[in-house]
C-alpha atoms as a PDB file:
ATOM      1  CA  MET A   1      45.059 136.069 108.262  1.00  0.00           C
ATOM      2  CA  GLN A   2      43.126 132.841 107.228  1.00  0.00           C
ATOM      3  CA  GLY A   3      42.241 129.771 108.432  1.00  0.00           C
ATOM      4  CA  ASP A   4      40.831 126.643 106.915  1.00  0.00           C
ATOM      5  CA  ASP A   5      38.037 126.128 109.571  1.00  0.00           C
ATOM      6  CA  TYR A   6      36.254 127.827 112.777  1.00  0.00           C
ATOM      7  CA  ALA A   7      38.879 126.993 114.875  1.00  0.00           C
ATOM      8  CA  ASP A   8      41.568 128.305 112.962  1.00  0.00           C
ATOM      9  CA  CYS A   9      39.832 131.329 112.156  1.00  0.00           C
ATOM     10  CA  GLU A  10      38.885 131.724 115.764  1.00  0.00           C
ATOM     11  CA  LYS A  11      42.877 131.007 116.893  1.00  0.00           C
ATOM     12  CA  ASN A  12      43.544 133.900 114.264  1.00  0.00           C
ATOM     13  CA  ALA A  13      41.342 136.687 115.878  1.00  0.00           C
ATOM     14  CA  MET A  14      42.847 135.778 119.388  1.00  0.00           C
ATOM     15  CA  ASP A  15      46.276 135.813 118.102  1.00  0.00           C
ATOM     16  CA  THR A  16      45.528 139.147 116.252  1.00  0.00           C
ATOM     17  CA  VAL A  17      44.115 140.562 119.425  1.00  0.00           C
ATOM     18  CA  LYS A  18      47.328 139.317 121.603  1.00  0.00           C
ATOM     19  CA  LEU A  19      49.656 141.073 119.158  1.00  0.00           C
ATOM     20  CA  PHE A  20      48.256 144.563 119.259  1.00  0.00           C
ATOM     21  CA  ASP A  21      48.025 144.227 122.674  1.00  0.00           C
ATOM     22  CA  SER A  22      51.521 143.403 123.265  1.00  0.00           C
ATOM     23  CA  SER A  23      52.353 145.771 120.911  1.00  0.00           C
ATOM     24  CA  GLY A  24      50.236 148.835 122.784  1.00  0.00           C
ATOM     25  CA  PHE A  25      47.100 148.813 121.032  1.00  0.00           C
ATOM     26  CA  THR A  26      44.144 148.403 122.972  1.00  0.00           C
ATOM     27  CA  VAL A  27      41.352 146.633 121.192  1.00  0.00           C
ATOM     28  CA  HIS A  28      38.083 147.957 121.993  1.00  0.00           C
ATOM     29  CA  PRO A  29      35.868 144.990 123.115  1.00  0.00           C
ATOM     30  CA  GLU A  30      32.199 146.493 122.224  1.00  0.00           C
ATOM     31  CA  LYS A  31      33.405 147.640 118.708  1.00  0.00           C
ATOM     32  CA  SER A  32      35.083 144.379 117.634  1.00  0.00           C
ATOM     33  CA  SER A  33      34.006 141.205 116.564  1.00  0.00           C
ATOM     34  CA  PHE A  34      35.969 137.941 117.883  1.00  0.00           C
ATOM     35  CA  VAL A  35      33.736 135.725 116.478  1.00  0.00           C
ATOM     36  CA  PRO A  36      34.430 134.467 113.231  1.00  0.00           C
ATOM     37  CA  GLN A  37      31.738 135.116 110.784  1.00  0.00           C
ATOM     38  CA  GLN A  38      30.943 135.186 107.256  1.00  0.00           C
ATOM     39  CA  LYS A  39      28.677 138.051 107.441  1.00  0.00           C
ATOM     40  CA  ILE A  40      29.334 141.398 109.469  1.00  0.00           C
ATOM     41  CA  THR A  41      27.400 144.594 109.306  1.00  0.00           C
ATOM     42  CA  PHE A  42      30.114 147.592 109.625  1.00  0.00           C
ATOM     43  CA  MET A  43      29.087 151.147 109.999  1.00  0.00           C
ATOM     44  CA  GLY A  44      25.969 150.978 108.032  1.00  0.00           C
ATOM     45  CA  PHE A  45      27.059 148.238 105.312  1.00  0.00           C
ATOM     46  CA  ILE A  46      27.267 144.537 105.270  1.00  0.00           C
ATOM     47  CA  ILE A  47      30.741 142.616 104.211  1.00  0.00           C
ATOM     48  CA  ALA A  48      29.785 139.119 102.964  1.00  0.00           C
ATOM     49  CA  SER A  49      33.215 136.757 102.892  1.00  0.00           C
ATOM     50  CA  ILE A  50      31.402 133.961 100.738  1.00  0.00           C
ATOM     51  CA  THR A  51      30.778 136.349  98.033  1.00  0.00           C
ATOM     52  CA  MET A  52      33.419 138.894  98.717  1.00  0.00           C
ATOM     53  CA  SER A  53      31.236 141.815  98.432  1.00  0.00           C
ATOM     54  CA  VAL A  54      29.980 144.687 100.303  1.00  0.00           C
ATOM     55  CA  TYR A  55      26.230 145.893 100.570  1.00  0.00           C
ATOM     56  CA  PRO A  56      24.639 148.659 102.201  1.00  0.00           C
ATOM     57  CA  ILE A  57      22.241 147.503 104.792  1.00  0.00           C
ATOM     58  CA  SER A  58      18.097 148.111 104.126  1.00  0.00           C
ATOM     59  CA  GLU A  59      17.987 151.434 106.076  1.00  0.00           C
ATOM     60  CA  LYS A  60      20.570 152.883 103.709  1.00  0.00           C
ATOM     61  CA  ILE A  61      18.915 151.741 100.781  1.00  0.00           C
ATOM     62  CA  GLU A  62      15.667 153.266 102.093  1.00  0.00           C
ATOM     63  CA  LYS A  63      17.207 156.370 102.538  1.00  0.00           C
ATOM     64  CA  ILE A  64      19.091 156.540  99.256  1.00  0.00           C
ATOM     65  CA  ILE A  65      15.598 155.764  97.294  1.00  0.00           C
ATOM     66  CA  SER A  66      13.551 158.450  99.576  1.00  0.00           C
ATOM     67  CA  THR A  67      16.093 161.468  99.512  1.00  0.00           C
ATOM     68  CA  SER A  68      16.530 161.289  95.872  1.00  0.00           C
ATOM     69  CA  GLN A  69      13.238 161.109  94.922  1.00  0.00           C
ATOM     70  CA  SER A  70      12.084 163.651  97.319  1.00  0.00           C
ATOM     71  CA  LEU A  71      14.867 165.837  95.412  1.00  0.00           C
ATOM     72  CA  LEU A  72      13.705 164.985  91.772  1.00  0.00           C
ATOM     73  CA  ASN A  73      10.415 165.671  92.608  1.00  0.00           C
ATOM     74  CA  SER A  74      11.529 169.107  94.487  1.00  0.00           C
ATOM     75  CA  HIS A  75      11.048 171.999  91.584  1.00  0.00           C
ATOM     76  CA  HIS A  76      13.160 174.162  93.441  1.00  0.00           C
ATOM     77  CA  PRO A  77      15.411 172.485  95.621  1.00  0.00           C
ATOM     78  CA  THR A  78      17.674 174.376  97.861  1.00  0.00           C
ATOM     79  CA  ILE A  79      21.678 174.017  97.508  1.00  0.00           C
ATOM     80  CA  ARG A  80      21.896 172.557 101.063  1.00  0.00           C
ATOM     81  CA  GLN A  81      19.559 170.153 100.096  1.00  0.00           C
ATOM     82  CA  VAL A  82      20.973 168.998  96.892  1.00  0.00           C
ATOM     83  CA  ALA A  83      24.927 169.207  99.261  1.00  0.00           C
ATOM     84  CA  SER A  84      23.212 166.631 101.685  1.00  0.00           C
ATOM     85  CA  THR A  85      22.166 164.149  98.867  1.00  0.00           C
ATOM     86  CA  LEU A  86      25.505 164.382  97.542  1.00  0.00           C
ATOM     87  CA  ARG A  87      26.961 163.330 100.777  1.00  0.00           C
ATOM     88  CA  LEU A  88      24.764 160.333 100.833  1.00  0.00           C
ATOM     89  CA  PHE A  89      25.853 159.367  97.480  1.00  0.00           C
ATOM     90  CA  ILE A  90      29.544 159.887  98.401  1.00  0.00           C
ATOM     91  CA  SER A  91      29.393 158.037 101.685  1.00  0.00           C
ATOM     92  CA  ASN A  92      28.154 155.118 100.039  1.00  0.00           C
ATOM     93  CA  PHE A  93      30.505 154.664  97.335  1.00  0.00           C
ATOM     94  CA  PRO A  94      32.324 151.771  99.692  1.00  0.00           C
ATOM     95  CA  ALA A  95      29.203 149.758  98.430  1.00  0.00           C
ATOM     96  CA  ALA A  96      28.248 151.392  95.047  1.00  0.00           C
ATOM     97  CA  LYS A  97      30.735 150.225  92.143  1.00  0.00           C
ATOM     98  CA  LEU A  98      29.587 152.145  89.736  1.00  0.00           C
ATOM     99  CA  GLY A  99      28.626 154.962  92.235  1.00  0.00           C
ATOM    100  CA  PRO A 100      31.586 157.328  90.973  1.00  0.00           C
ATOM    101  CA  LEU A 101      29.964 157.470  87.542  1.00  0.00           C
ATOM    102  CA  HIS A 102      26.429 158.925  88.996  1.00  0.00           C
ATOM    103  CA  PHE A 103      26.930 161.890  91.002  1.00  0.00           C
ATOM    104  CA  ARG A 104      29.284 164.315  88.832  1.00  0.00           C
ATOM    105  CA  SER A 105      26.628 165.941  87.210  1.00  0.00           C
ATOM    106  CA  LEU A 106      24.742 166.753  90.250  1.00  0.00           C
ATOM    107  CA  ASP A 107      27.959 168.269  91.891  1.00  0.00           C
ATOM    108  CA  MET A 108      28.814 170.341  88.932  1.00  0.00           C
ATOM    109  CA  ASN A 109      25.291 171.740  89.018  1.00  0.00           C
ATOM    110  CA  LYS A 110      25.442 172.571  92.961  1.00  0.00           C
ATOM    111  CA  THR A 111      29.307 174.435  92.452  1.00  0.00           C
ATOM    112  CA  ASP A 112      27.472 176.322  89.683  1.00  0.00           C
ATOM    113  CA  ALA A 113      24.600 177.546  91.509  1.00  0.00           C
ATOM    114  CA  LEU A 114      26.934 178.069  94.742  1.00  0.00           C
ATOM    115  CA  SER A 115      29.266 180.111  92.739  1.00  0.00           C
ATOM    116  CA  LEU A 116      25.892 182.130  91.151  1.00  0.00           C
ATOM    117  CA  ASN A 117      24.463 182.662  94.790  1.00  0.00           C
ATOM    118  CA  LYS A 118      27.708 183.891  96.237  1.00  0.00           C
ATOM    119  CA  GLY A 119      28.085 180.716  98.751  1.00  0.00           C
ATOM    120  CA  ASN A 120      24.466 180.958  99.974  1.00  0.00           C
ATOM    121  CA  PHE A 121      23.602 177.709 100.684  1.00  0.00           C
ATOM    122  CA  ASP A 122      19.663 178.237 101.106  1.00  0.00           C
ATOM    123  CA  ALA A 123      19.288 179.766  97.604  1.00  0.00           C
ATOM    124  CA  THR A 124      17.546 177.447  95.177  1.00  0.00           C
ATOM    125  CA  MET A 125      18.939 175.729  92.051  1.00  0.00           C
ATOM    126  CA  GLN A 126      17.927 173.846  88.824  1.00  0.00           C
ATOM    127  CA  PHE A 127      18.937 170.417  87.681  1.00  0.00           C
ATOM    128  CA  SER A 128      20.408 169.515  83.999  1.00  0.00           C
ATOM    129  CA  GLU A 129      18.763 166.394  82.243  1.00  0.00           C
ATOM    130  CA  SER A 130      21.948 164.356  83.348  1.00  0.00           C
ATOM    131  CA  SER A 131      21.529 165.411  87.285  1.00  0.00           C
ATOM    132  CA  ARG A 132      17.927 164.065  86.635  1.00  0.00           C
ATOM    133  CA  ASN A 133      19.509 160.903  85.229  1.00  0.00           C
ATOM    134  CA  ASP A 134      21.916 160.184  87.875  1.00  0.00           C
ATOM    135  CA  LEU A 135      19.095 160.996  90.491  1.00  0.00           C
ATOM    136  CA  GLN A 136      16.980 158.056  88.683  1.00  0.00           C
ATOM    137  CA  TRP A 137      19.657 155.847  88.734  1.00  0.00           C
ATOM    138  CA  TRP A 138      20.253 155.537  92.336  1.00  0.00           C
ATOM    139  CA  ILE A 139      16.556 155.140  92.915  1.00  0.00           C
ATOM    140  CA  LYS A 140      16.432 152.015  90.498  1.00  0.00           C
ATOM    141  CA  SER A 141      19.938 151.006  91.631  1.00  0.00           C
ATOM    142  CA  ALA A 142      19.472 151.504  95.491  1.00  0.00           C
ATOM    143  CA  GLU A 143      18.245 147.933  95.854  1.00  0.00           C
ATOM    144  CA  SER A 144      20.820 146.051  93.849  1.00  0.00           C
ATOM    145  CA  LEU A 145      24.120 148.482  94.998  1.00  0.00           C
ATOM    146  CA  LEU A 146      26.842 146.124  95.392  1.00  0.00           C
ATOM    147  CA  LYS A 147      30.859 146.529  95.247  1.00  0.00           C
ATOM    148  CA  PRO A 148      33.646 143.689  95.357  1.00  0.00           C
ATOM    149  CA  SER A 149      35.960 143.687  97.862  1.00  0.00           C
ATOM    150  CA  SER A 150      38.546 142.196  96.229  1.00  0.00           C
ATOM    151  CA  ALA A 151      39.315 142.845  92.505  1.00  0.00           C
ATOM    152  CA  PRO A 152      39.978 140.104  90.004  1.00  0.00           C
ATOM    153  CA  GLN A 153      43.288 139.819  88.394  1.00  0.00           C
ATOM    154  CA  PRO A 154      43.226 141.459  84.710  1.00  0.00           C
ATOM    155  CA  GLU A 155      42.617 139.321  81.844  1.00  0.00           C
ATOM    156  CA  ILE A 156      44.136 141.449  79.103  1.00  0.00           C
ATOM    157  CA  THR A 157      46.346 144.676  79.475  1.00  0.00           C
ATOM    158  CA  LEU A 158      46.367 147.180  76.817  1.00  0.00           C
ATOM    159  CA  TYR A 159      48.854 149.762  76.857  1.00  0.00           C
ATOM    160  CA  THR A 160      48.248 153.680  75.822  1.00  0.00           C
ATOM    161  CA  ASP A 161      49.668 156.683  75.080  1.00  0.00           C
ATOM    162  CA  ALA A 162      49.142 160.185  73.600  1.00  0.00           C
ATOM    163  CA  SER A 163      50.805 163.289  72.620  1.00  0.00           C
ATOM    164  CA  LYS A 164      49.917 166.376  70.981  1.00  0.00           C
ATOM    165  CA  GLU A 165      50.837 164.615  67.438  1.00  0.00           C
ATOM    166  CA  GLY A 166      48.615 161.385  67.816  1.00  0.00           C
ATOM    167  CA  TRP A 167      47.558 158.575  69.838  1.00  0.00           C
ATOM    168  CA  GLY A 168      48.837 154.694  70.097  1.00  0.00           C
ATOM    169  CA  GLY A 169      48.411 151.438  71.808  1.00  0.00           C
ATOM    170  CA  THR A 170      49.631 148.209  72.193  1.00  0.00           C
ATOM    171  CA  LEU A 171      47.939 144.799  73.236  1.00  0.00           C
ATOM    172  CA  ASN A 172      50.574 141.478  72.877  1.00  0.00           C
ATOM    173  CA  ASP A 173      52.030 141.727  69.546  1.00  0.00           C
ATOM    174  CA  THR A 174      49.216 144.278  68.431  1.00  0.00           C
ATOM    175  CA  LYS A 175      50.165 147.737  67.588  1.00  0.00           C
ATOM    176  CA  ILE A 176      47.331 150.488  66.792  1.00  0.00           C
ATOM    177  CA  GLY A 177      47.522 154.216  66.600  1.00  0.00           C
ATOM    178  CA  GLY A 178      46.866 157.496  64.458  1.00  0.00           C
ATOM    179  CA  HIS A 179      47.008 161.123  64.207  1.00  0.00           C
ATOM    180  CA  TRP A 180      44.497 163.394  65.645  1.00  0.00           C
ATOM    181  CA  THR A 181      42.315 165.756  63.868  1.00  0.00           C
ATOM    182  CA  PRO A 182      43.462 169.572  63.999  1.00  0.00           C
ATOM    183  CA  LEU A 183      39.981 170.116  66.360  1.00  0.00           C
ATOM    184  CA  GLU A 184      41.107 167.200  68.626  1.00  0.00           C
ATOM    185  CA  SER A 185      44.840 168.388  69.118  1.00  0.00           C
ATOM    186  CA  ARG A 186      43.676 171.435  70.258  1.00  0.00           C
ATOM    187  CA  ASN A 187      42.111 169.665  73.606  1.00  0.00           C
ATOM    188  CA  HIS A 188      44.242 169.509  76.996  1.00  0.00           C
ATOM    189  CA  ILE A 189      46.578 166.085  76.635  1.00  0.00           C
ATOM    190  CA  ASN A 190      44.719 164.886  79.798  1.00  0.00           C
ATOM    191  CA  TYR A 191      41.656 164.477  77.421  1.00  0.00           C
ATOM    192  CA  LEU A 192      43.879 163.509  74.773  1.00  0.00           C
ATOM    193  CA  GLU A 193      45.174 160.597  77.061  1.00  0.00           C
ATOM    194  CA  MET A 194      41.691 159.244  77.802  1.00  0.00           C
ATOM    195  CA  LEU A 195      40.316 159.970  74.164  1.00  0.00           C
ATOM    196  CA  ALA A 196      43.516 157.418  73.088  1.00  0.00           C
ATOM    197  CA  VAL A 197      42.122 154.481  75.594  1.00  0.00           C
ATOM    198  CA  PHE A 198      38.753 154.866  73.783  1.00  0.00           C
ATOM    199  CA  PHE A 199      39.984 155.027  70.418  1.00  0.00           C
ATOM    200  CA  CYS A 200      42.515 152.100  71.133  1.00  0.00           C
ATOM    201  CA  THR A 201      39.333 150.017  73.163  1.00  0.00           C
ATOM    202  CA  GLN A 202      37.501 150.366  69.847  1.00  0.00           C
ATOM    203  CA  SER A 203      40.220 149.447  67.348  1.00  0.00           C
ATOM    204  CA  ILE A 204      40.662 146.225  69.333  1.00  0.00           C
ATOM    205  CA  SER A 205      37.080 145.600  70.091  1.00  0.00           C
ATOM    206  CA  GLU A 206      36.736 145.860  66.058  1.00  0.00           C
ATOM    207  CA  ALA A 207      39.611 143.670  65.356  1.00  0.00           C
ATOM    208  CA  VAL A 208      38.534 141.008  67.786  1.00  0.00           C
ATOM    209  CA  VAL A 209      34.973 141.165  66.015  1.00  0.00           C
ATOM    210  CA  ARG A 210      36.572 140.724  62.636  1.00  0.00           C
ATOM    211  CA  GLU A 211      38.634 137.689  63.618  1.00  0.00           C
ATOM    212  CA  THR A 212      36.209 135.999  65.135  1.00  0.00           C
ATOM    213  CA  CYS A 213      33.156 137.005  62.861  1.00  0.00           C
ATOM    214  CA  PRO A 214      34.655 137.479  59.525  1.00  0.00           C
ATOM    215  CA  HIS A 215      31.418 137.515  57.747  1.00  0.00           C
ATOM    216  CA  LYS A 216      30.175 140.565  59.272  1.00  0.00           C
ATOM    217  CA  ASN A 217      31.130 143.896  58.041  1.00  0.00           C
END
């Protein structure tokens, strides 16, 4: 529910409480906010309506930095320490737009180490270079973590598809596509679908550059 001013928003809040109560749902007075606000703290995150974004509170930021730095400085961390750090990262996904791109390597290292040590979480493990890079990303990005609370509508739509024979895509009236090399065609169809997205995006980008900058090769 939305309102044009404070009074409207306050009335909306009360109407919502009455609606829930009349439907048999009890609104907890100590766990709810009945006063309209443009910024509110909820479960360790700050939700801002003016910027339509979510970001972690300072305590969460400090914990991400200290935990990541401690793990990065440890030469022989236990699998349990790594698992705990992963849980910390995942718990901050609601306020970290790019967070899901920077935990997979560490998670795979943990899974491999756990399998190698027959499920012993107290065993030690080592990091791959990509895992170290991900830890460094969390340290550098902790203070600027942010996630939009509402995604904008896409400006363009690119349709892509793939089979075991080749790939193709369509953007408005432009059609692109090609055949796989013998080596590429050996991959799983899910991989080929993603590769099709990459090739189509790359081809469209090159076409746009040629149109806007014809003097460039």
